[in-house]
């Protein structure tokens, strides 16, 4: 099964995460298929960037997001620009 999840990449006491698409059997920080974004929880405010097109592609072909990543996507969803 393919999962979209966070992979830790930061130093000790300085967490930084990559949003990756990987096989669910791979280790958390191990081999991945594609990197589609980043998450920096130490930035003020927390910096979350993701390629929405690639995320949509992977979900459409059956990839599942983890609970944590799903929460981050909903929390940091970009608002639609105001019409007018």
C-alpha atoms as a PDB file:
ATOM      1  CA  UNK A   1       0.000   0.000   0.000  1.00  0.00           C
ATOM      2  CA  UNK A   2       1.231   3.500  -0.833  1.00  0.00           C
ATOM      3  CA  UNK A   3       1.049   6.177   1.871  1.00  0.00           C
ATOM      4  CA  UNK A   4       1.538   9.924   1.913  1.00  0.00           C
ATOM      5  CA  UNK A   5       3.283  10.693   5.206  1.00  0.00           C
ATOM      6  CA  UNK A   6       5.845  12.781   7.058  1.00  0.00           C
ATOM      7  CA  UNK A   7       9.524  11.803   7.141  1.00  0.00           C
ATOM      8  CA  UNK A   8      11.722  13.495   9.735  1.00  0.00           C
ATOM      9  CA  UNK A   9      14.788  15.247   8.380  1.00  0.00           C
ATOM     10  CA  UNK A  10      15.852  17.725  11.088  1.00  0.00           C
ATOM     11  CA  UNK A  11      18.670  17.723  13.594  1.00  0.00           C
ATOM     12  CA  UNK A  12      18.314  16.852  17.263  1.00  0.00           C
ATOM     13  CA  UNK A  13      15.779  19.201  18.930  1.00  0.00           C
ATOM     14  CA  UNK A  14      15.177  20.903  15.540  1.00  0.00           C
ATOM     15  CA  UNK A  15      12.434  18.921  13.801  1.00  0.00           C
ATOM     16  CA  UNK A  16      11.863  19.388  10.082  1.00  0.00           C
ATOM     17  CA  UNK A  17       9.706  17.092   8.010  1.00  0.00           C
ATOM     18  CA  UNK A  18       9.386  16.193   4.346  1.00  0.00           C
ATOM     19  CA  UNK A  19       5.989  15.178   2.973  1.00  0.00           C
ATOM     20  CA  UNK A  20       6.733  11.992   1.029  1.00  0.00           C
ATOM     21  CA  UNK A  21       4.914   9.304  -0.898  1.00  0.00           C
ATOM     22  CA  UNK A  22       6.260   5.904   0.090  1.00  0.00           C
ATOM     23  CA  UNK A  23       5.469   2.248   0.436  1.00  0.00           C
ATOM     24  CA  UNK A  24       3.878   1.601   3.826  1.00  0.00           C
ATOM     25  CA  UNK A  25       6.477  -1.105   4.517  1.00  0.00           C
ATOM     26  CA  UNK A  26       9.397   1.320   4.171  1.00  0.00           C
ATOM     27  CA  UNK A  27      10.856   2.846   7.348  1.00  0.00           C
ATOM     28  CA  UNK A  28       9.640   6.325   8.336  1.00  0.00           C
ATOM     29  CA  UNK A  29      12.860   8.036   7.220  1.00  0.00           C
ATOM     30  CA  UNK A  30      13.780   5.452   4.600  1.00  0.00           C
ATOM     31  CA  UNK A  31      13.166   5.019   0.912  1.00  0.00           C
ATOM     32  CA  UNK A  32      10.381   7.016  -0.709  1.00  0.00           C
ATOM     33  CA  UNK A  33       8.805   7.348  -4.141  1.00  0.00           C
ATOM     34  CA  UNK A  34       8.434  11.135  -4.327  1.00  0.00           C
ATOM     35  CA  UNK A  35       8.790  14.189  -2.086  1.00  0.00           C
ATOM     36  CA  UNK A  36       5.797  16.500  -2.492  1.00  0.00           C
ATOM     37  CA  UNK A  37       6.217  19.042   0.303  1.00  0.00           C
ATOM     38  CA  UNK A  38       7.758  20.181   3.581  1.00  0.00           C
ATOM     39  CA  UNK A  39       6.658  21.015   7.122  1.00  0.00           C
ATOM     40  CA  UNK A  40       8.626  23.131   9.594  1.00  0.00           C
ATOM     41  CA  UNK A  41       6.871  23.136  12.989  1.00  0.00           C
ATOM     42  CA  UNK A  42       9.525  25.402  14.579  1.00  0.00           C
ATOM     43  CA  UNK A  43       8.842  28.347  12.249  1.00  0.00           C
ATOM     44  CA  UNK A  44       6.546  31.042  13.612  1.00  0.00           C
ATOM     45  CA  UNK A  45       3.888  30.412  12.358  1.00  0.00           C
ATOM     46  CA  UNK A  46       4.518  26.798  11.349  1.00  0.00           C
ATOM     47  CA  UNK A  47       5.481  26.552   7.674  1.00  0.00           C
ATOM     48  CA  UNK A  48       3.623  23.900   5.668  1.00  0.00           C
ATOM     49  CA  UNK A  49       4.058  23.673   1.899  1.00  0.00           C
ATOM     50  CA  UNK A  50       2.681  20.930  -0.335  1.00  0.00           C
ATOM     51  CA  UNK A  51       2.240  20.448  -4.072  1.00  0.00           C
ATOM     52  CA  UNK A  52      -1.564  20.124  -4.184  1.00  0.00           C
ATOM     53  CA  UNK A  53      -1.546  18.761  -7.736  1.00  0.00           C
ATOM     54  CA  UNK A  54       0.793  15.905  -6.874  1.00  0.00           C
ATOM     55  CA  UNK A  55      -1.135  15.161  -3.667  1.00  0.00           C
ATOM     56  CA  UNK A  56      -4.367  14.955  -5.679  1.00  0.00           C
ATOM     57  CA  UNK A  57      -2.662  12.664  -8.201  1.00  0.00           C
ATOM     58  CA  UNK A  58      -1.436  10.218  -5.569  1.00  0.00           C
ATOM     59  CA  UNK A  59      -4.793  10.150  -3.778  1.00  0.00           C
ATOM     60  CA  UNK A  60      -6.551   9.507  -7.102  1.00  0.00           C
ATOM     61  CA  UNK A  61      -4.398   6.433  -7.741  1.00  0.00           C
ATOM     62  CA  UNK A  62      -5.117   4.985  -4.303  1.00  0.00           C
ATOM     63  CA  UNK A  63      -2.523   6.425  -1.912  1.00  0.00           C
ATOM     64  CA  UNK A  64      -3.711   7.070   1.639  1.00  0.00           C
ATOM     65  CA  UNK A  65      -2.647   9.957   3.857  1.00  0.00           C
ATOM     66  CA  UNK A  66      -1.725   9.430   7.494  1.00  0.00           C
ATOM     67  CA  UNK A  67      -3.920  10.950  10.212  1.00  0.00           C
ATOM     68  CA  UNK A  68      -1.285  13.548  11.131  1.00  0.00           C
ATOM     69  CA  UNK A  69      -0.800  14.670   7.551  1.00  0.00           C
ATOM     70  CA  UNK A  70      -4.564  14.820   6.982  1.00  0.00           C
ATOM     71  CA  UNK A  71      -4.865  17.163  10.003  1.00  0.00           C
ATOM     72  CA  UNK A  72      -2.046  19.381   8.705  1.00  0.00           C
ATOM     73  CA  UNK A  73      -3.640  19.622   5.262  1.00  0.00           C
ATOM     74  CA  UNK A  74      -6.970  20.671   6.761  1.00  0.00           C
ATOM     75  CA  UNK A  75      -5.354  23.155   9.170  1.00  0.00           C
ATOM     76  CA  UNK A  76      -3.152  24.847   6.557  1.00  0.00           C
ATOM     77  CA  UNK A  77      -5.558  24.671   3.626  1.00  0.00           C
ATOM     78  CA  UNK A  78      -5.149  27.853   1.570  1.00  0.00           C
ATOM     79  CA  UNK A  79      -8.263  29.985   1.558  1.00  0.00           C
ATOM     80  CA  UNK A  80      -9.950  30.838  -1.728  1.00  0.00           C
ATOM     81  CA  UNK A  81      -9.217  34.388  -2.912  1.00  0.00           C
ATOM     82  CA  UNK A  82     -12.026  36.858  -2.338  1.00  0.00           C
ATOM     83  CA  UNK A  83     -14.120  37.522  -5.408  1.00  0.00           C
ATOM     84  CA  UNK A  84     -14.663  41.045  -6.285  1.00  0.00           C
END
